[in-house]
Amino acid sequence: MHKPGTVYIGVAPRFTNDSVKRSFKRACQLAGIENFRFHDFRHTFVTNMRRAGKQDRAIMAITGHKTMAMLMRYDSVDEDDLKRVVTDKPIGKNCTNITHGEADRKESVP
């Protein structure tokens, strides 16, 4: 029988919400991790799925977000993400990847 506040791993109910919270807090202490909440994994999941190129609607279906605005609250963009956007080659056969210097040379050639 399902008990409220119980997390089921496999078949047997072995962990309660409180025991998971205590274990997580203790693991963070032992690892020297500060200012990290269990809920932060939700942010990490959304960000990693976006970085892996997964569709927003698929991520929303998994996380239960009903609006794009809420999904975006969980998606983190850092400096490495911005660098990838401007340095990665575009996807698609009709796309070109021209550096500034190459564009100048092409415009000046008759």
N, C-alpha and C. Protein backbone atom coordinates (compact mmCIF):
# COMPACT_ATOMS: atom_id res chain seq x y z
N MET A 1 0.84 -1.18 0.00
CA MET A 1 0.00 0.00 0.00
C MET A 1 0.88 1.24 0.00
N HIS A 2 0.54 2.24 -0.79
CA HIS A 2 1.31 3.49 -0.88
C HIS A 2 1.06 4.36 0.35
N LYS A 3 2.15 4.78 0.99
CA LYS A 3 2.04 5.71 2.12
C LYS A 3 2.45 7.09 1.64
N PRO A 4 1.68 8.14 1.94
CA PRO A 4 2.08 9.49 1.57
C PRO A 4 3.46 9.82 2.16
N GLY A 5 4.29 10.51 1.37
CA GLY A 5 5.62 10.88 1.85
C GLY A 5 6.65 9.80 1.67
N THR A 6 6.33 8.74 0.91
CA THR A 6 7.26 7.65 0.70
C THR A 6 7.72 7.64 -0.74
N VAL A 7 9.02 7.50 -0.94
CA VAL A 7 9.60 7.38 -2.28
C VAL A 7 9.82 5.91 -2.54
N TYR A 8 9.33 5.41 -3.67
CA TYR A 8 9.47 4.01 -3.98
C TYR A 8 10.66 3.79 -4.90
N ILE A 9 11.58 2.95 -4.47
CA ILE A 9 12.73 2.56 -5.27
C ILE A 9 12.53 1.08 -5.57
N GLY A 10 12.41 0.74 -6.85
CA GLY A 10 12.13 -0.64 -7.19
C GLY A 10 10.72 -1.00 -6.75
N VAL A 11 10.58 -2.03 -5.94
CA VAL A 11 9.27 -2.46 -5.51
C VAL A 11 8.99 -2.11 -4.05
N ALA A 12 10.00 -2.16 -3.24
CA ALA A 12 9.79 -1.99 -1.79
C ALA A 12 9.90 -0.53 -1.37
N PRO A 13 8.92 -0.05 -0.60
CA PRO A 13 9.02 1.31 -0.07
C PRO A 13 10.06 1.35 1.04
N ARG A 14 11.22 1.96 0.75
CA ARG A 14 12.30 1.94 1.73
C ARG A 14 12.68 3.32 2.24
N PHE A 15 12.33 4.36 1.53
CA PHE A 15 12.78 5.69 1.90
C PHE A 15 11.61 6.64 2.04
N THR A 16 11.63 7.45 3.07
CA THR A 16 10.64 8.51 3.22
C THR A 16 11.23 9.81 2.71
N ASN A 17 10.39 10.81 2.49
CA ASN A 17 10.90 12.12 2.07
C ASN A 17 11.92 12.64 3.06
N ASP A 18 11.64 12.49 4.35
CA ASP A 18 12.56 12.99 5.37
C ASP A 18 13.90 12.26 5.33
N SER A 19 13.88 10.94 5.14
CA SER A 19 15.15 10.22 5.12
C SER A 19 15.98 10.60 3.90
N VAL A 20 15.33 10.84 2.78
CA VAL A 20 16.05 11.27 1.58
C VAL A 20 16.65 12.66 1.81
N LYS A 21 15.87 13.57 2.40
CA LYS A 21 16.38 14.92 2.69
C LYS A 21 17.57 14.87 3.63
N ARG A 22 17.46 14.06 4.68
CA ARG A 22 18.57 13.95 5.64
C ARG A 22 19.82 13.38 4.97
N SER A 23 19.64 12.35 4.17
CA SER A 23 20.77 11.73 3.48
C SER A 23 21.42 12.70 2.50
N PHE A 24 20.60 13.44 1.78
CA PHE A 24 21.13 14.41 0.82
C PHE A 24 21.92 15.50 1.54
N LYS A 25 21.35 16.01 2.63
CA LYS A 25 22.03 17.06 3.41
C LYS A 25 23.36 16.54 3.95
N ARG A 26 23.36 15.33 4.45
CA ARG A 26 24.58 14.74 5.00
C ARG A 26 25.62 14.53 3.90
N ALA A 27 25.20 14.05 2.75
CA ALA A 27 26.12 13.83 1.63
C ALA A 27 26.76 15.14 1.20
N CYS A 28 25.97 16.20 1.15
CA CYS A 28 26.51 17.53 0.79
C CYS A 28 27.53 17.98 1.82
N GLN A 29 27.23 17.78 3.10
CA GLN A 29 28.17 18.16 4.15
C GLN A 29 29.48 17.39 4.01
N LEU A 30 29.40 16.09 3.82
CA LEU A 30 30.60 15.27 3.68
C LEU A 30 31.43 15.66 2.46
N ALA A 31 30.74 16.09 1.39
CA ALA A 31 31.44 16.48 0.16
C ALA A 31 31.89 17.94 0.19
N GLY A 32 31.51 18.66 1.23
CA GLY A 32 31.89 20.08 1.32
C GLY A 32 31.09 20.97 0.37
N ILE A 33 29.92 20.53 -0.01
CA ILE A 33 29.08 21.31 -0.92
C ILE A 33 28.15 22.20 -0.10
N GLU A 34 28.18 23.49 -0.41
CA GLU A 34 27.33 24.45 0.30
C GLU A 34 26.33 25.08 -0.66
N ASN A 35 25.24 25.59 -0.10
CA ASN A 35 24.23 26.31 -0.89
C ASN A 35 23.70 25.50 -2.06
N PHE A 36 23.43 24.24 -1.82
CA PHE A 36 22.87 23.38 -2.85
C PHE A 36 21.66 22.66 -2.28
N ARG A 37 20.54 22.77 -2.99
CA ARG A 37 19.30 22.13 -2.55
C ARG A 37 18.98 20.98 -3.49
N PHE A 38 18.22 20.04 -3.01
CA PHE A 38 17.82 18.91 -3.84
C PHE A 38 17.10 19.40 -5.09
N HIS A 39 16.32 20.46 -4.94
CA HIS A 39 15.56 21.03 -6.06
C HIS A 39 16.48 21.56 -7.17
N ASP A 40 17.74 21.86 -6.84
CA ASP A 40 18.68 22.35 -7.85
C ASP A 40 18.90 21.32 -8.96
N PHE A 41 18.68 20.05 -8.66
CA PHE A 41 18.80 19.02 -9.70
C PHE A 41 17.80 19.26 -10.83
N ARG A 42 16.67 19.84 -10.50
CA ARG A 42 15.64 20.14 -11.52
C ARG A 42 16.18 21.18 -12.51
N HIS A 43 16.84 22.20 -11.99
CA HIS A 43 17.46 23.21 -12.85
C HIS A 43 18.55 22.56 -13.72
N THR A 44 19.35 21.72 -13.10
CA THR A 44 20.44 21.06 -13.82
C THR A 44 19.89 20.18 -14.94
N PHE A 45 18.82 19.45 -14.66
CA PHE A 45 18.23 18.58 -15.67
C PHE A 45 17.76 19.38 -16.88
N VAL A 46 17.02 20.45 -16.63
CA VAL A 46 16.49 21.26 -17.73
C VAL A 46 17.63 21.84 -18.56
N THR A 47 18.63 22.38 -17.90
CA THR A 47 19.77 22.97 -18.60
C THR A 47 20.52 21.92 -19.42
N ASN A 48 20.76 20.76 -18.84
CA ASN A 48 21.48 19.70 -19.56
C ASN A 48 20.69 19.17 -20.74
N MET A 49 19.38 19.07 -20.61
CA MET A 49 18.55 18.62 -21.74
C MET A 49 18.59 19.63 -22.88
N ARG A 50 18.52 20.93 -22.54
CA ARG A 50 18.61 21.96 -23.58
C ARG A 50 19.97 21.92 -24.26
N ARG A 51 21.04 21.77 -23.49
CA ARG A 51 22.38 21.70 -24.06
C ARG A 51 22.55 20.47 -24.95
N ALA A 52 21.82 19.40 -24.64
CA ALA A 52 21.89 18.18 -25.44
C ALA A 52 21.03 18.28 -26.70
N GLY A 53 20.35 19.41 -26.86
CA GLY A 53 19.55 19.62 -28.06
C GLY A 53 18.15 19.04 -28.02
N LYS A 54 17.67 18.70 -26.85
CA LYS A 54 16.32 18.13 -26.74
C LYS A 54 15.28 19.22 -26.96
N GLN A 55 14.16 18.84 -27.52
CA GLN A 55 13.09 19.79 -27.82
C GLN A 55 12.45 20.31 -26.53
N ASP A 56 12.13 21.60 -26.53
CA ASP A 56 11.51 22.22 -25.36
C ASP A 56 10.24 21.49 -24.93
N ARG A 57 9.42 21.13 -25.89
CA ARG A 57 8.15 20.47 -25.54
C ARG A 57 8.39 19.12 -24.89
N ALA A 58 9.43 18.42 -25.31
CA ALA A 58 9.75 17.13 -24.69
C ALA A 58 10.23 17.34 -23.25
N ILE A 59 11.07 18.35 -23.05
CA ILE A 59 11.55 18.66 -21.70
C ILE A 59 10.37 19.04 -20.81
N MET A 60 9.47 19.85 -21.34
CA MET A 60 8.29 20.27 -20.58
C MET A 60 7.42 19.08 -20.21
N ALA A 61 7.30 18.12 -21.10
CA ALA A 61 6.49 16.93 -20.81
C ALA A 61 7.11 16.12 -19.67
N ILE A 62 8.42 16.05 -19.65
CA ILE A 62 9.12 15.30 -18.61
C ILE A 62 9.04 16.01 -17.26
N THR A 63 9.27 17.34 -17.28
CA THR A 63 9.34 18.09 -16.02
C THR A 63 7.98 18.54 -15.51
N GLY A 64 6.97 18.51 -16.39
CA GLY A 64 5.64 18.94 -15.97
C GLY A 64 5.42 20.43 -16.06
N HIS A 65 6.33 21.15 -16.69
CA HIS A 65 6.13 22.60 -16.86
C HIS A 65 5.02 22.82 -17.88
N LYS A 66 4.10 23.71 -17.55
CA LYS A 66 2.95 23.96 -18.41
C LYS A 66 3.19 25.11 -19.39
N THR A 67 4.13 26.01 -19.04
CA THR A 67 4.38 27.17 -19.90
C THR A 67 5.86 27.27 -20.22
N MET A 68 6.16 27.89 -21.35
CA MET A 68 7.54 28.12 -21.75
C MET A 68 8.23 29.04 -20.75
N ALA A 69 7.47 29.99 -20.21
CA ALA A 69 8.05 30.92 -19.23
C ALA A 69 8.57 30.17 -18.01
N MET A 70 7.82 29.19 -17.54
CA MET A 70 8.27 28.42 -16.37
C MET A 70 9.48 27.56 -16.73
N LEU A 71 9.47 26.96 -17.91
CA LEU A 71 10.63 26.17 -18.34
C LEU A 71 11.88 27.04 -18.37
N MET A 72 11.75 28.24 -18.90
CA MET A 72 12.90 29.13 -19.02
C MET A 72 13.45 29.56 -17.65
N ARG A 73 12.61 29.58 -16.64
CA ARG A 73 13.10 29.89 -15.28
C ARG A 73 14.07 28.83 -14.79
N TYR A 74 13.92 27.61 -15.30
CA TYR A 74 14.78 26.51 -14.87
C TYR A 74 16.00 26.32 -15.77
N ASP A 75 16.03 26.98 -16.91
CA ASP A 75 17.14 26.83 -17.86
C ASP A 75 18.19 27.89 -17.58
N SER A 76 19.42 27.46 -17.37
CA SER A 76 20.52 28.39 -17.09
C SER A 76 21.40 28.53 -18.33
N VAL A 77 21.74 29.75 -18.66
CA VAL A 77 22.64 30.03 -19.77
C VAL A 77 23.88 30.68 -19.18
N ASP A 78 25.05 30.08 -19.45
CA ASP A 78 26.28 30.65 -18.92
C ASP A 78 27.19 31.10 -20.07
N GLU A 79 28.37 31.58 -19.72
CA GLU A 79 29.29 32.12 -20.73
C GLU A 79 29.68 31.06 -21.75
N ASP A 80 29.86 29.82 -21.31
CA ASP A 80 30.20 28.74 -22.25
C ASP A 80 29.09 28.51 -23.26
N ASP A 81 27.83 28.61 -22.82
CA ASP A 81 26.71 28.47 -23.74
C ASP A 81 26.77 29.56 -24.82
N LEU A 82 27.05 30.78 -24.41
CA LEU A 82 27.11 31.89 -25.35
C LEU A 82 28.26 31.70 -26.34
N LYS A 83 29.40 31.23 -25.85
CA LYS A 83 30.54 30.98 -26.74
C LYS A 83 30.19 29.91 -27.77
N ARG A 84 29.49 28.86 -27.34
CA ARG A 84 29.11 27.79 -28.27
C ARG A 84 28.19 28.31 -29.37
N VAL A 85 27.31 29.22 -29.01
CA VAL A 85 26.37 29.76 -29.99
C VAL A 85 27.11 30.48 -31.11
N VAL A 86 28.13 31.23 -30.78
CA VAL A 86 28.82 32.01 -31.81
C VAL A 86 29.96 31.27 -32.48
N THR A 87 30.42 30.14 -31.93
CA THR A 87 31.54 29.43 -32.54
C THR A 87 31.15 28.12 -33.20
N ASP A 88 30.05 27.51 -32.81
CA ASP A 88 29.66 26.24 -33.41
C ASP A 88 29.22 26.43 -34.84
N LYS A 89 29.45 25.39 -35.64
CA LYS A 89 28.99 25.43 -37.01
C LYS A 89 27.48 25.26 -37.03
N PRO A 90 26.80 25.99 -37.89
CA PRO A 90 25.34 25.85 -37.99
C PRO A 90 24.96 24.45 -38.45
N ILE A 91 23.77 24.02 -38.09
CA ILE A 91 23.26 22.72 -38.49
C ILE A 91 22.41 22.88 -39.73
N GLY A 92 22.62 22.05 -40.72
CA GLY A 92 21.81 22.11 -41.93
C GLY A 92 22.67 22.27 -43.16
N LYS A 93 22.24 21.68 -44.26
CA LYS A 93 23.07 21.70 -45.46
C LYS A 93 23.07 23.05 -46.16
N ASN A 94 22.08 23.91 -45.90
CA ASN A 94 22.02 25.20 -46.57
C ASN A 94 22.68 26.32 -45.77
N CYS A 95 23.30 25.99 -44.64
CA CYS A 95 23.93 26.99 -43.80
C CYS A 95 25.41 27.10 -44.15
N THR A 96 25.94 28.29 -43.96
CA THR A 96 27.37 28.49 -44.15
C THR A 96 27.96 29.04 -42.87
N ASN A 97 29.25 28.87 -42.71
CA ASN A 97 29.94 29.36 -41.54
C ASN A 97 31.09 30.23 -42.05
N ILE A 98 30.87 31.52 -42.12
CA ILE A 98 31.84 32.44 -42.67
C ILE A 98 32.37 33.33 -41.56
N THR A 99 33.69 33.40 -41.43
CA THR A 99 34.26 34.32 -40.45
C THR A 99 34.22 35.71 -41.03
N HIS A 100 34.41 36.71 -40.21
CA HIS A 100 34.35 38.10 -40.64
C HIS A 100 35.34 38.37 -41.77
N GLY A 101 36.55 37.86 -41.67
CA GLY A 101 37.57 38.08 -42.68
C GLY A 101 37.17 37.49 -44.03
N GLU A 102 36.59 36.30 -44.03
CA GLU A 102 36.16 35.65 -45.27
C GLU A 102 35.02 36.43 -45.92
N ALA A 103 34.13 36.97 -45.12
CA ALA A 103 33.00 37.75 -45.67
C ALA A 103 33.53 38.99 -46.37
N ASP A 104 34.52 39.67 -45.78
CA ASP A 104 35.09 40.85 -46.40
C ASP A 104 35.73 40.52 -47.74
N ARG A 105 36.47 39.40 -47.80
CA ARG A 105 37.13 39.02 -49.05
C ARG A 105 36.09 38.67 -50.11
N LYS A 106 35.01 38.00 -49.75
CA LYS A 106 34.00 37.61 -50.75
C LYS A 106 33.30 38.84 -51.32
N GLU A 107 33.06 39.85 -50.47
CA GLU A 107 32.38 41.05 -50.95
C GLU A 107 33.27 41.84 -51.90
N SER A 108 34.59 41.79 -51.72
CA SER A 108 35.48 42.60 -52.53
C SER A 108 35.88 41.93 -53.83
N VAL A 109 35.55 40.64 -53.98
CA VAL A 109 35.90 39.93 -55.22
C VAL A 109 34.82 40.17 -56.25
N PRO A 110 35.22 40.64 -57.48
CA PRO A 110 34.20 40.90 -58.52
C PRO A 110 33.55 39.65 -59.06
